[in-house]
């Protein structure tokens, strides 16, 4: 599954980050955001994305350089069996995990995630 392909409608140049699975840089004009795509097949009491030590190191390096980097969790809907919900996590949340309650509060339809990325890149 390719996370970037689920974000049809993002108005940006999208390039994979070499050596990192499902990590992309989204670039428009002078704005840049890095997004690591991960997938959750079901919600548990604590959602902690599966990431490698290399992924975590990249996120920390980008944060140290004051570059925007998010983990976008694609959540599979129980009813539709599609990854049609999304949840943005910052670096700390992605490493530590977030509660199911927070997921329920912040999860959004995938088209809202597309709109949010386009807004970030204005």
Protein backbone atom coordinates (compact mmCIF):
# COMPACT_ATOMS: atom_id res chain seq x y z
CA UNK A 1 0.00 0.00 0.00
CA UNK A 2 1.36 3.41 -0.99
CA UNK A 3 0.22 6.21 1.32
CA UNK A 4 0.85 9.02 -1.14
CA UNK A 5 -1.49 7.43 -3.69
CA UNK A 6 -4.33 7.64 -1.15
CA UNK A 7 -4.01 11.42 -1.09
CA UNK A 8 -5.38 12.23 -4.54
CA UNK A 9 -5.88 15.97 -4.76
CA UNK A 10 -2.77 17.18 -2.95
CA UNK A 11 -1.56 20.14 -4.99
CA UNK A 12 2.19 19.68 -4.63
CA UNK A 13 5.26 18.05 -6.03
CA UNK A 14 5.58 14.73 -4.22
CA UNK A 15 8.88 12.87 -4.06
CA UNK A 16 9.86 9.80 -2.05
CA UNK A 17 12.59 10.23 0.52
CA UNK A 18 15.34 7.86 -0.58
CA UNK A 19 15.90 4.92 1.75
CA UNK A 20 12.66 5.39 3.69
CA UNK A 21 9.57 3.33 3.02
CA UNK A 22 6.38 5.37 2.54
CA UNK A 23 8.05 8.67 3.46
CA UNK A 24 7.56 11.58 1.08
CA UNK A 25 8.43 15.23 0.79
CA UNK A 26 5.55 17.42 -0.39
CA UNK A 27 6.77 20.66 -1.94
CA UNK A 28 4.91 23.69 -3.28
CA UNK A 29 6.59 27.01 -4.00
CA UNK A 30 8.78 27.62 -0.93
CA UNK A 31 6.80 25.40 1.44
CA UNK A 32 7.86 21.86 2.30
CA UNK A 33 6.43 19.19 4.54
CA UNK A 34 7.65 15.64 5.12
CA UNK A 35 5.05 12.96 5.72
CA UNK A 36 5.62 9.39 6.87
CA UNK A 37 2.61 7.26 5.93
CA UNK A 38 1.69 4.35 8.19
CA UNK A 39 -1.35 2.10 8.26
CA UNK A 40 -3.57 0.94 11.11
CA UNK A 41 -5.85 -2.00 10.38
CA UNK A 42 -7.71 -1.68 13.66
CA UNK A 43 -7.85 0.64 16.63
CA UNK A 44 -6.55 -0.52 19.96
CA UNK A 45 -6.44 1.23 23.33
CA UNK A 46 -3.14 2.88 22.34
CA UNK A 47 -2.35 3.62 18.69
CA UNK A 48 1.39 3.48 18.18
CA UNK A 49 2.49 3.53 14.55
CA UNK A 50 4.97 0.88 13.47
CA UNK A 51 8.17 2.68 12.55
CA UNK A 52 11.78 1.66 12.28
CA UNK A 53 14.60 3.20 14.30
CA UNK A 54 15.71 4.80 11.02
CA UNK A 55 12.25 6.41 10.59
CA UNK A 56 12.38 7.80 14.13
CA UNK A 57 15.90 9.11 13.58
CA UNK A 58 14.79 10.90 10.39
CA UNK A 59 11.85 12.49 12.20
CA UNK A 60 14.14 13.71 14.98
CA UNK A 61 16.66 15.10 12.47
CA UNK A 62 13.97 16.97 10.56
CA UNK A 63 12.60 18.33 13.83
CA UNK A 64 16.09 19.52 14.85
CA UNK A 65 16.34 21.34 11.51
CA UNK A 66 12.93 22.95 12.16
CA UNK A 67 11.45 21.23 9.11
CA UNK A 68 7.83 20.17 9.29
CA UNK A 69 7.38 16.42 9.52
CA UNK A 70 4.25 14.51 10.37
CA UNK A 71 3.23 10.92 10.59
CA UNK A 72 -0.03 10.34 8.77
CA UNK A 73 -1.81 7.25 10.03
CA UNK A 74 -4.24 5.82 7.52
CA UNK A 75 -6.97 4.05 9.48
CA UNK A 76 -8.91 1.18 7.94
CA UNK A 77 -12.65 1.57 8.35
CA UNK A 78 -14.42 -1.39 9.90
CA UNK A 79 -17.42 -0.88 7.61
CA UNK A 80 -15.88 0.00 4.24
CA UNK A 81 -12.65 -2.03 4.64
CA UNK A 82 -10.84 0.95 3.07
CA UNK A 83 -8.23 3.31 4.53
CA UNK A 84 -10.64 6.23 4.46
CA UNK A 85 -9.77 7.86 7.79
CA UNK A 86 -6.57 9.71 8.58
CA UNK A 87 -4.83 10.99 11.67
CA UNK A 88 -1.87 13.37 11.76
CA UNK A 89 0.65 12.83 14.54
CA UNK A 90 3.61 14.97 15.44
CA UNK A 91 6.97 13.40 16.19
CA UNK A 92 6.38 12.91 19.91
CA UNK A 93 2.92 11.40 19.44
CA UNK A 94 4.16 9.04 16.74
CA UNK A 95 6.98 7.75 18.92
CA UNK A 96 4.96 7.45 22.15
CA UNK A 97 1.58 6.50 20.70
CA UNK A 98 -1.81 8.09 21.38
CA UNK A 99 -4.91 6.94 23.18
CA UNK A 100 -7.96 5.60 21.41
CA UNK A 101 -9.93 8.58 22.76
CA UNK A 102 -7.55 11.01 21.09
CA UNK A 103 -7.79 9.06 17.84
CA UNK A 104 -11.59 9.29 17.95
CA UNK A 105 -11.37 13.05 18.53
CA UNK A 106 -8.84 13.82 15.81
CA UNK A 107 -9.38 11.23 13.06
CA UNK A 108 -10.70 12.77 9.86
CA UNK A 109 -11.91 11.62 6.46
CA UNK A 110 -9.05 11.23 4.00
CA UNK A 111 -10.29 14.16 1.88
CA UNK A 112 -9.96 16.43 4.93
CA UNK A 113 -6.35 15.27 5.27
CA UNK A 114 -5.77 16.26 1.63
CA UNK A 115 -7.25 19.70 2.33
CA UNK A 116 -5.08 20.08 5.42
CA UNK A 117 -1.90 19.27 3.50
CA UNK A 118 -2.88 21.77 0.80
CA UNK A 119 -3.46 24.39 3.50
CA UNK A 120 -0.07 23.69 5.10
CA UNK A 121 1.56 24.22 1.70
CA UNK A 122 -0.10 27.60 1.00
